[in-house]
Amino acid sequence: MTDALERDARALLAAYDDGSWNPTDGEFELASSLARTHWNGSAFRAELRDIPESARAGRLVDVLDPATPFLELTDTTTAQQALRALRQLIDALAAA
């Protein structure tokens, strides 16, 4: 599962970088909010629960939703690469 999360996060970042994916305003707002949040399962879950419909309908939430269980682990060592890829995606969107 961590491999899929990492692959999906990297693929979405590549699509953003090459212009084949244009996030919605809601997705940019979500990324900006997540970039400022301490990443843990409960904070992530709260952010995803309260997102606007424009973000919910986009591609970003499909990558974020599977990350929540990994952030709820006491030891996230096995998911570090996947979470790093996800953080890179969020940071790129938040910087836009």
PDB file of N, CA and C in Angstrom:
ATOM      1  N   MET A   1       0.817  -1.196   0.000  1.00  0.00           N
ATOM      2  CA  MET A   1       0.000   0.000   0.000  1.00  0.00           C
ATOM      3  C   MET A   1       0.861   1.262   0.000  1.00  0.00           C
ATOM      4  N   THR A   2       1.976   1.237   0.725  1.00  0.00           N
ATOM      5  CA  THR A   2       2.832   2.430   0.740  1.00  0.00           C
ATOM      6  C   THR A   2       3.420   2.685  -0.643  1.00  0.00           C
ATOM      7  N   ASP A   3       3.712   1.611  -1.379  1.00  0.00           N
ATOM      8  CA  ASP A   3       4.235   1.788  -2.737  1.00  0.00           C
ATOM      9  C   ASP A   3       3.210   2.493  -3.626  1.00  0.00           C
ATOM     10  N   ALA A   4       1.954   2.119  -3.487  1.00  0.00           N
ATOM     11  CA  ALA A   4       0.893   2.732  -4.289  1.00  0.00           C
ATOM     12  C   ALA A   4       0.728   4.204  -3.923  1.00  0.00           C
ATOM     13  N   LEU A   5       0.780   4.509  -2.642  1.00  0.00           N
ATOM     14  CA  LEU A   5       0.658   5.899  -2.199  1.00  0.00           C
ATOM     15  C   LEU A   5       1.813   6.728  -2.750  1.00  0.00           C
ATOM     16  N   GLU A   6       3.021   6.211  -2.642  1.00  0.00           N
ATOM     17  CA  GLU A   6       4.179   6.938  -3.162  1.00  0.00           C
ATOM     18  C   GLU A   6       4.076   7.128  -4.677  1.00  0.00           C
ATOM     19  N   ARG A   7       3.718   6.068  -5.380  1.00  0.00           N
ATOM     20  CA  ARG A   7       3.577   6.137  -6.837  1.00  0.00           C
ATOM     21  C   ARG A   7       2.528   7.164  -7.239  1.00  0.00           C
ATOM     22  N   ASP A   8       1.381   7.136  -6.576  1.00  0.00           N
ATOM     23  CA  ASP A   8       0.294   8.056  -6.909  1.00  0.00           C
ATOM     24  C   ASP A   8       0.663   9.506  -6.612  1.00  0.00           C
ATOM     25  N   ALA A   9       1.326   9.743  -5.493  1.00  0.00           N
ATOM     26  CA  ALA A   9       1.740  11.101  -5.147  1.00  0.00           C
ATOM     27  C   ALA A   9       2.759  11.625  -6.151  1.00  0.00           C
ATOM     28  N   ARG A  10       3.722  10.789  -6.515  1.00  0.00           N
ATOM     29  CA  ARG A  10       4.741  11.210  -7.487  1.00  0.00           C
ATOM     30  C   ARG A  10       4.122  11.439  -8.876  1.00  0.00           C
ATOM     31  N   ALA A  11       3.175  10.584  -9.251  1.00  0.00           N
ATOM     32  CA  ALA A  11       2.523  10.725 -10.560  1.00  0.00           C
ATOM     33  C   ALA A  11       1.705  12.017 -10.612  1.00  0.00           C
ATOM     34  N   LEU A  12       1.017  12.344  -9.538  1.00  0.00           N
ATOM     35  CA  LEU A  12       0.226  13.564  -9.515  1.00  0.00           C
ATOM     36  C   LEU A  12       1.138  14.801  -9.529  1.00  0.00           C
ATOM     37  N   LEU A  13       2.251  14.734  -8.817  1.00  0.00           N
ATOM     38  CA  LEU A  13       3.200  15.843  -8.847  1.00  0.00           C
ATOM     39  C   LEU A  13       3.781  16.011 -10.251  1.00  0.00           C
ATOM     40  N   ALA A  14       4.096  14.906 -10.913  1.00  0.00           N
ATOM     41  CA  ALA A  14       4.617  14.983 -12.282  1.00  0.00           C
ATOM     42  C   ALA A  14       3.569  15.578 -13.224  1.00  0.00           C
ATOM     43  N   ALA A  15       2.313  15.176 -13.047  1.00  0.00           N
ATOM     44  CA  ALA A  15       1.231  15.716 -13.879  1.00  0.00           C
ATOM     45  C   ALA A  15       1.058  17.214 -13.634  1.00  0.00           C
ATOM     46  N   TYR A  16       1.216  17.637 -12.397  1.00  0.00           N
ATOM     47  CA  TYR A  16       1.134  19.065 -12.074  1.00  0.00           C
ATOM     48  C   TYR A  16       2.313  19.803 -12.714  1.00  0.00           C
ATOM     49  N   ASP A  17       3.500  19.237 -12.557  1.00  0.00           N
ATOM     50  CA  ASP A  17       4.700  19.876 -13.106  1.00  0.00           C
ATOM     51  C   ASP A  17       4.663  20.009 -14.626  1.00  0.00           C
ATOM     52  N   ASP A  18       4.116  18.991 -15.302  1.00  0.00           N
ATOM     53  CA  ASP A  18       4.097  19.055 -16.772  1.00  0.00           C
ATOM     54  C   ASP A  18       2.831  19.705 -17.331  1.00  0.00           C
ATOM     55  N   GLY A  19       1.939  20.142 -16.443  1.00  0.00           N
ATOM     56  CA  GLY A  19       0.748  20.861 -16.868  1.00  0.00           C
ATOM     57  C   GLY A  19      -0.419  19.999 -17.307  1.00  0.00           C
ATOM     58  N   SER A  20      -0.299  18.686 -17.164  1.00  0.00           N
ATOM     59  CA  SER A  20      -1.414  17.827 -17.570  1.00  0.00           C
ATOM     60  C   SER A  20      -2.488  17.718 -16.484  1.00  0.00           C
ATOM     61  N   TRP A  21      -2.194  18.214 -15.285  1.00  0.00           N
ATOM     62  CA  TRP A  21      -3.196  18.297 -14.208  1.00  0.00           C
ATOM     63  C   TRP A  21      -3.199  19.717 -13.681  1.00  0.00           C
ATOM     64  N   ASN A  22      -4.361  20.321 -13.697  1.00  0.00           N
ATOM     65  CA  ASN A  22      -4.551  21.669 -13.166  1.00  0.00           C
ATOM     66  C   ASN A  22      -5.484  21.581 -11.965  1.00  0.00           C
ATOM     67  N   PRO A  23      -4.932  21.666 -10.765  1.00  0.00           N
ATOM     68  CA  PRO A  23      -5.768  21.563  -9.570  1.00  0.00           C
ATOM     69  C   PRO A  23      -6.821  22.663  -9.507  1.00  0.00           C
ATOM     70  N   THR A  24      -7.923  22.361  -8.874  1.00  0.00           N
ATOM     71  CA  THR A  24      -8.971  23.346  -8.658  1.00  0.00           C
ATOM     72  C   THR A  24      -8.531  24.316  -7.553  1.00  0.00           C
ATOM     73  N   ASP A  25      -9.230  25.410  -7.437  1.00  0.00           N
ATOM     74  CA  ASP A  25      -8.941  26.352  -6.353  1.00  0.00           C
ATOM     75  C   ASP A  25      -9.083  25.658  -4.996  1.00  0.00           C
ATOM     76  N   GLY A  26     -10.077  24.800  -4.884  1.00  0.00           N
ATOM     77  CA  GLY A  26     -10.282  24.058  -3.640  1.00  0.00           C
ATOM     78  C   GLY A  26      -9.112  23.139  -3.312  1.00  0.00           C
ATOM     79  N   GLU A  27      -8.524  22.545  -4.338  1.00  0.00           N
ATOM     80  CA  GLU A  27      -7.367  21.680  -4.110  1.00  0.00           C
ATOM     81  C   GLU A  27      -6.155  22.499  -3.666  1.00  0.00           C
ATOM     82  N   PHE A  28      -5.981  23.677  -4.260  1.00  0.00           N
ATOM     83  CA  PHE A  28      -4.898  24.553  -3.814  1.00  0.00           C
ATOM     84  C   PHE A  28      -5.106  24.980  -2.358  1.00  0.00           C
ATOM     85  N   GLU A  29      -6.337  25.307  -2.007  1.00  0.00           N
ATOM     86  CA  GLU A  29      -6.647  25.701  -0.631  1.00  0.00           C
ATOM     87  C   GLU A  29      -6.390  24.550   0.338  1.00  0.00           C
ATOM     88  N   LEU A  30      -6.804  23.349  -0.045  1.00  0.00           N
ATOM     89  CA  LEU A  30      -6.573  22.179   0.788  1.00  0.00           C
ATOM     90  C   LEU A  30      -5.080  21.944   0.985  1.00  0.00           C
ATOM     91  N   ALA A  31      -4.320  22.019  -0.095  1.00  0.00           N
ATOM     92  CA  ALA A  31      -2.876  21.824   0.003  1.00  0.00           C
ATOM     93  C   ALA A  31      -2.245  22.876   0.907  1.00  0.00           C
ATOM     94  N   SER A  32      -2.679  24.103   0.771  1.00  0.00           N
ATOM     95  CA  SER A  32      -2.148  25.180   1.604  1.00  0.00           C
ATOM     96  C   SER A  32      -2.443  24.925   3.080  1.00  0.00           C
ATOM     97  N   SER A  33      -3.638  24.488   3.357  1.00  0.00           N
ATOM     98  CA  SER A  33      -4.017  24.181   4.738  1.00  0.00           C
ATOM     99  C   SER A  33      -3.209  23.004   5.274  1.00  0.00           C
ATOM    100  N   LEU A  34      -3.063  21.959   4.476  1.00  0.00           N
ATOM    101  CA  LEU A  34      -2.294  20.788   4.907  1.00  0.00           C
ATOM    102  C   LEU A  34      -0.813  21.113   5.091  1.00  0.00           C
ATOM    103  N   ALA A  35      -0.301  22.027   4.308  1.00  0.00           N
ATOM    104  CA  ALA A  35       1.114  22.398   4.426  1.00  0.00           C
ATOM    105  C   ALA A  35       1.399  23.045   5.782  1.00  0.00           C
ATOM    106  N   ARG A  36       0.390  23.671   6.365  1.00  0.00           N
ATOM    107  CA  ARG A  36       0.553  24.343   7.660  1.00  0.00           C
ATOM    108  C   ARG A  36       0.180  23.451   8.842  1.00  0.00           C
ATOM    109  N   THR A  37      -0.335  22.270   8.574  1.00  0.00           N
ATOM    110  CA  THR A  37      -0.834  21.379   9.613  1.00  0.00           C
ATOM    111  C   THR A  37       0.242  20.388  10.038  1.00  0.00           C
ATOM    112  N   HIS A  38       0.286  20.098  11.335  1.00  0.00           N
ATOM    113  CA  HIS A  38       1.128  19.003  11.810  1.00  0.00           C
ATOM    114  C   HIS A  38       0.499  17.703  11.330  1.00  0.00           C
ATOM    115  N   TRP A  39       1.251  16.927  10.590  1.00  0.00           N
ATOM    116  CA  TRP A  39       0.684  15.731   9.973  1.00  0.00           C
ATOM    117  C   TRP A  39       0.585  14.595  10.971  1.00  0.00           C
ATOM    118  N   ASN A  40      -0.642  14.267  11.318  1.00  0.00           N
ATOM    119  CA  ASN A  40      -0.955  13.045  12.059  1.00  0.00           C
ATOM    120  C   ASN A  40      -2.338  12.612  11.600  1.00  0.00           C
ATOM    121  N   GLY A  41      -2.722  11.431  11.979  1.00  0.00           N
ATOM    122  CA  GLY A  41      -3.975  10.867  11.483  1.00  0.00           C
ATOM    123  C   GLY A  41      -5.194  11.701  11.781  1.00  0.00           C
ATOM    124  N   SER A  42      -5.315  12.188  13.005  1.00  0.00           N
ATOM    125  CA  SER A  42      -6.529  12.931  13.361  1.00  0.00           C
ATOM    126  C   SER A  42      -6.584  14.289  12.660  1.00  0.00           C
ATOM    127  N   ALA A  43      -5.455  14.966  12.546  1.00  0.00           N
ATOM    128  CA  ALA A  43      -5.449  16.262  11.856  1.00  0.00           C
ATOM    129  C   ALA A  43      -5.749  16.087  10.369  1.00  0.00           C
ATOM    130  N   PHE A  44      -5.164  15.064   9.784  1.00  0.00           N
ATOM    131  CA  PHE A  44      -5.385  14.788   8.369  1.00  0.00           C
ATOM    132  C   PHE A  44      -6.854  14.450   8.115  1.00  0.00           C
ATOM    133  N   ARG A  45      -7.397  13.605   8.978  1.00  0.00           N
ATOM    134  CA  ARG A  45      -8.797  13.202   8.843  1.00  0.00           C
ATOM    135  C   ARG A  45      -9.717  14.420   8.963  1.00  0.00           C
ATOM    136  N   ALA A  46      -9.423  15.320   9.888  1.00  0.00           N
ATOM    137  CA  ALA A  46     -10.231  16.529  10.066  1.00  0.00           C
ATOM    138  C   ALA A  46     -10.154  17.417   8.828  1.00  0.00           C
ATOM    139  N   GLU A  47      -8.973  17.576   8.264  1.00  0.00           N
ATOM    140  CA  GLU A  47      -8.826  18.387   7.047  1.00  0.00           C
ATOM    141  C   GLU A  47      -9.646  17.799   5.900  1.00  0.00           C
ATOM    142  N   LEU A  48      -9.606  16.489   5.754  1.00  0.00           N
ATOM    143  CA  LEU A  48     -10.337  15.843   4.656  1.00  0.00           C
ATOM    144  C   LEU A  48     -11.837  15.860   4.866  1.00  0.00           C
ATOM    145  N   ARG A  49     -12.263  15.894   6.106  1.00  0.00           N
ATOM    146  CA  ARG A  49     -13.700  15.921   6.407  1.00  0.00           C
ATOM    147  C   ARG A  49     -14.312  17.270   6.042  1.00  0.00           C
ATOM    148  N   ASP A  50     -13.545  18.321   6.172  1.00  0.00           N
ATOM    149  CA  ASP A  50     -14.070  19.673   6.004  1.00  0.00           C
ATOM    150  C   ASP A  50     -13.703  20.331   4.678  1.00  0.00           C
ATOM    151  N   ILE A  51     -13.333  19.554   3.676  1.00  0.00           N
ATOM    152  CA  ILE A  51     -12.900  20.179   2.423  1.00  0.00           C
ATOM    153  C   ILE A  51     -14.090  20.607   1.576  1.00  0.00           C
ATOM    154  N   PRO A  52     -13.888  21.644   0.784  1.00  0.00           N
ATOM    155  CA  PRO A  52     -14.977  22.097  -0.100  1.00  0.00           C
ATOM    156  C   PRO A  52     -15.233  21.083  -1.215  1.00  0.00           C
ATOM    157  N   GLU A  53     -16.412  21.138  -1.764  1.00  0.00           N
ATOM    158  CA  GLU A  53     -16.801  20.213  -2.824  1.00  0.00           C
ATOM    159  C   GLU A  53     -15.860  20.291  -4.021  1.00  0.00           C
ATOM    160  N   SER A  54     -15.351  21.476  -4.324  1.00  0.00           N
ATOM    161  CA  SER A  54     -14.445  21.614  -5.469  1.00  0.00           C
ATOM    162  C   SER A  54     -13.153  20.821  -5.267  1.00  0.00           C
ATOM    163  N   ALA A  55     -12.738  20.646  -4.029  1.00  0.00           N
ATOM    164  CA  ALA A  55     -11.551  19.821  -3.756  1.00  0.00           C
ATOM    165  C   ALA A  55     -11.924  18.346  -3.720  1.00  0.00           C
ATOM    166  N   ARG A  56     -13.092  18.053  -3.200  1.00  0.00           N
ATOM    167  CA  ARG A  56     -13.535  16.656  -3.087  1.00  0.00           C
ATOM    168  C   ARG A  56     -13.686  15.999  -4.465  1.00  0.00           C
ATOM    169  N   ALA A  57     -14.058  16.779  -5.446  1.00  0.00           N
ATOM    170  CA  ALA A  57     -14.278  16.237  -6.790  1.00  0.00           C
ATOM    171  C   ALA A  57     -12.981  16.114  -7.596  1.00  0.00           C
ATOM    172  N   GLY A  58     -11.885  16.649  -7.076  1.00  0.00           N
ATOM    173  CA  GLY A  58     -10.619  16.644  -7.813  1.00  0.00           C
ATOM    174  C   GLY A  58      -9.805  15.378  -7.581  1.00  0.00           C
ATOM    175  N   ARG A  59      -8.623  15.378  -8.143  1.00  0.00           N
ATOM    176  CA  ARG A  59      -7.735  14.216  -8.063  1.00  0.00           C
ATOM    177  C   ARG A  59      -6.920  14.164  -6.772  1.00  0.00           C
ATOM    178  N   LEU A  60      -6.705  15.297  -6.135  1.00  0.00           N
ATOM    179  CA  LEU A  60      -5.856  15.345  -4.955  1.00  0.00           C
ATOM    180  C   LEU A  60      -6.395  14.496  -3.817  1.00  0.00           C
ATOM    181  N   VAL A  61      -7.671  14.561  -3.571  1.00  0.00           N
ATOM    182  CA  VAL A  61      -8.255  13.819  -2.448  1.00  0.00           C
ATOM    183  C   VAL A  61      -8.075  12.305  -2.625  1.00  0.00           C
ATOM    184  N   ASP A  62      -8.020  11.843  -3.862  1.00  0.00           N
ATOM    185  CA  ASP A  62      -7.805  10.416  -4.107  1.00  0.00           C
ATOM    186  C   ASP A  62      -6.425   9.959  -3.665  1.00  0.00           C
ATOM    187  N   VAL A  63      -5.476  10.874  -3.622  1.00  0.00           N
ATOM    188  CA  VAL A  63      -4.131  10.551  -3.139  1.00  0.00           C
ATOM    189  C   VAL A  63      -4.053  10.769  -1.628  1.00  0.00           C
ATOM    190  N   LEU A  64      -4.741  11.760  -1.130  1.00  0.00           N
ATOM    191  CA  LEU A  64      -4.671  12.080   0.298  1.00  0.00           C
ATOM    192  C   LEU A  64      -5.394  11.066   1.177  1.00  0.00           C
ATOM    193  N   ASP A  65      -6.549  10.641   0.766  1.00  0.00           N
ATOM    194  CA  ASP A  65      -7.381   9.760   1.595  1.00  0.00           C
ATOM    195  C   ASP A  65      -6.644   8.494   2.043  1.00  0.00           C
ATOM    196  N   PRO A  66      -5.929   7.783   1.159  1.00  0.00           N
ATOM    197  CA  PRO A  66      -5.220   6.579   1.610  1.00  0.00           C
ATOM    198  C   PRO A  66      -4.054   6.848   2.558  1.00  0.00           C
ATOM    199  N   ALA A  67      -3.607   8.089   2.658  1.00  0.00           N
ATOM    200  CA  ALA A  67      -2.477   8.413   3.540  1.00  0.00           C
ATOM    201  C   ALA A  67      -2.877   8.426   5.010  1.00  0.00           C
ATOM    202  N   THR A  68      -4.141   8.675   5.292  1.00  0.00           N
ATOM    203  CA  THR A  68      -4.595   8.822   6.671  1.00  0.00           C
ATOM    204  C   THR A  68      -4.244   7.626   7.549  1.00  0.00           C
ATOM    205  N   PRO A  69      -4.492   6.386   7.120  1.00  0.00           N
ATOM    206  CA  PRO A  69      -4.140   5.252   7.984  1.00  0.00           C
ATOM    207  C   PRO A  69      -2.641   5.189   8.316  1.00  0.00           C
ATOM    208  N   PHE A  70      -1.791   5.604   7.388  1.00  0.00           N
ATOM    209  CA  PHE A  70      -0.353   5.583   7.652  1.00  0.00           C
ATOM    210  C   PHE A  70       0.020   6.620   8.701  1.00  0.00           C
ATOM    211  N   LEU A  71      -0.662   7.753   8.683  1.00  0.00           N
ATOM    212  CA  LEU A  71      -0.379   8.805   9.653  1.00  0.00           C
ATOM    213  C   LEU A  71      -0.910   8.466  11.036  1.00  0.00           C
ATOM    214  N   GLU A  72      -1.776   7.474  11.129  1.00  0.00           N
ATOM    215  CA  GLU A  72      -2.313   7.043  12.416  1.00  0.00           C
ATOM    216  C   GLU A  72      -1.432   5.997  13.084  1.00  0.00           C
ATOM    217  N   LEU A  73      -0.429   5.502  12.370  1.00  0.00           N
ATOM    218  CA  LEU A  73       0.479   4.518  12.936  1.00  0.00           C
ATOM    219  C   LEU A  73       1.372   5.169  13.987  1.00  0.00           C
ATOM    220  N   THR A  74       1.689   4.407  15.009  1.00  0.00           N
ATOM    221  CA  THR A  74       2.625   4.891  16.019  1.00  0.00           C
ATOM    222  C   THR A  74       4.008   5.061  15.424  1.00  0.00           C
ATOM    223  N   ASP A  75       4.395   4.125  14.576  1.00  0.00           N
ATOM    224  CA  ASP A  75       5.699   4.165  13.921  1.00  0.00           C
ATOM    225  C   ASP A  75       5.468   4.253  12.416  1.00  0.00           C
ATOM    226  N   THR A  76       5.767   5.394  11.827  1.00  0.00           N
ATOM    227  CA  THR A  76       5.534   5.602  10.397  1.00  0.00           C
ATOM    228  C   THR A  76       6.763   5.280   9.555  1.00  0.00           C
ATOM    229  N   THR A  77       7.748   4.619  10.140  1.00  0.00           N
ATOM    230  CA  THR A  77       9.001   4.336   9.445  1.00  0.00           C
ATOM    231  C   THR A  77       8.782   3.655   8.099  1.00  0.00           C
ATOM    232  N   THR A  78       7.891   2.693   8.049  1.00  0.00           N
ATOM    233  CA  THR A  78       7.677   1.943   6.805  1.00  0.00           C
ATOM    234  C   THR A  78       7.010   2.787   5.732  1.00  0.00           C
ATOM    235  N   ALA A  79       6.407   3.884   6.124  1.00  0.00           N
ATOM    236  CA  ALA A  79       5.704   4.735   5.166  1.00  0.00           C
ATOM    237  C   ALA A  79       6.452   6.037   4.876  1.00  0.00           C
ATOM    238  N   GLN A  80       7.666   6.174   5.347  1.00  0.00           N
ATOM    239  CA  GLN A  80       8.390   7.438   5.219  1.00  0.00           C
ATOM    240  C   GLN A  80       8.533   7.920   3.778  1.00  0.00           C
ATOM    241  N   GLN A  81       8.913   7.048   2.875  1.00  0.00           N
ATOM    242  CA  GLN A  81       9.092   7.461   1.479  1.00  0.00           C
ATOM    243  C   GLN A  81       7.786   7.911   0.859  1.00  0.00           C
ATOM    244  N   ALA A  82       6.721   7.191   1.139  1.00  0.00           N
ATOM    245  CA  ALA A  82       5.411   7.556   0.600  1.00  0.00           C
ATOM    246  C   ALA A  82       4.952   8.899   1.171  1.00  0.00           C
ATOM    247  N   LEU A  83       5.133   9.084   2.471  1.00  0.00           N
ATOM    248  CA  LEU A  83       4.732  10.340   3.094  1.00  0.00           C
ATOM    249  C   LEU A  83       5.607  11.496   2.625  1.00  0.00           C
ATOM    250  N   ARG A  84       6.867  11.231   2.362  1.00  0.00           N
ATOM    251  CA  ARG A  84       7.752  12.271   1.826  1.00  0.00           C
ATOM    252  C   ARG A  84       7.283  12.698   0.434  1.00  0.00           C
ATOM    253  N   ALA A  85       6.907  11.727  -0.400  1.00  0.00           N
ATOM    254  CA  ALA A  85       6.402  12.046  -1.744  1.00  0.00           C
ATOM    255  C   ALA A  85       5.119  12.864  -1.643  1.00  0.00           C
ATOM    256  N   LEU A  86       4.274  12.504  -0.707  1.00  0.00           N
ATOM    257  CA  LEU A  86       3.031  13.245  -0.502  1.00  0.00           C
ATOM    258  C   LEU A  86       3.318  14.662  -0.008  1.00  0.00           C
ATOM    259  N   ARG A  87       4.278  14.799   0.870  1.00  0.00           N
ATOM    260  CA  ARG A  87       4.658  16.120   1.374  1.00  0.00           C
ATOM    261  C   ARG A  87       5.203  16.992   0.245  1.00  0.00           C
ATOM    262  N   GLN A  88       5.973  16.410  -0.655  1.00  0.00           N
ATOM    263  CA  GLN A  88       6.500  17.154  -1.797  1.00  0.00           C
ATOM    264  C   GLN A  88       5.378  17.657  -2.692  1.00  0.00           C
ATOM    265  N   LEU A  89       4.368  16.815  -2.890  1.00  0.00           N
ATOM    266  CA  LEU A  89       3.209  17.213  -3.674  1.00  0.00           C
ATOM    267  C   LEU A  89       2.474  18.370  -3.006  1.00  0.00           C
ATOM    268  N   ILE A  90       2.206  18.237  -1.716  1.00  0.00           N
ATOM    269  CA  ILE A  90       1.482  19.274  -0.970  1.00  0.00           C
ATOM    270  C   ILE A  90       2.277  20.577  -0.965  1.00  0.00           C
ATOM    271  N   ASP A  91       3.575  20.494  -0.748  1.00  0.00           N
ATOM    272  CA  ASP A  91       4.400  21.689  -0.724  1.00  0.00           C
ATOM    273  C   ASP A  91       4.426  22.394  -2.074  1.00  0.00           C
ATOM    274  N   ALA A  92       4.473  21.627  -3.149  1.00  0.00           N
ATOM    275  CA  ALA A  92       4.471  22.227  -4.493  1.00  0.00           C
ATOM    276  C   ALA A  92       3.159  22.974  -4.745  1.00  0.00           C
ATOM    277  N   LEU A  93       2.045  22.374  -4.357  1.00  0.00           N
ATOM    278  CA  LEU A  93       0.752  23.016  -4.560  1.00  0.00           C
ATOM    279  C   LEU A  93       0.589  24.226  -3.639  1.00  0.00           C
ATOM    280  N   ALA A  94       1.069  24.117  -2.417  1.00  0.00           N
ATOM    281  CA  ALA A  94       0.933  25.217  -1.474  1.00  0.00           C
ATOM    282  C   ALA A  94       1.786  26.423  -1.884  1.00  0.00           C
ATOM    283  N   ALA A  95       2.861  26.165  -2.587  1.00  0.00           N
ATOM    284  CA  ALA A  95       3.746  27.250  -3.015  1.00  0.00           C
ATOM    285  C   ALA A  95       3.214  28.004  -4.237  1.00  0.00           C
ATOM    286  N   ALA A  96       2.216  27.433  -4.887  1.00  0.00           N
ATOM    287  CA  ALA A  96       1.684  28.052  -6.123  1.00  0.00           C
ATOM    288  C   ALA A  96       0.868  29.281  -5.829  1.00  0.00           C
TER     289      ALA A  96
END
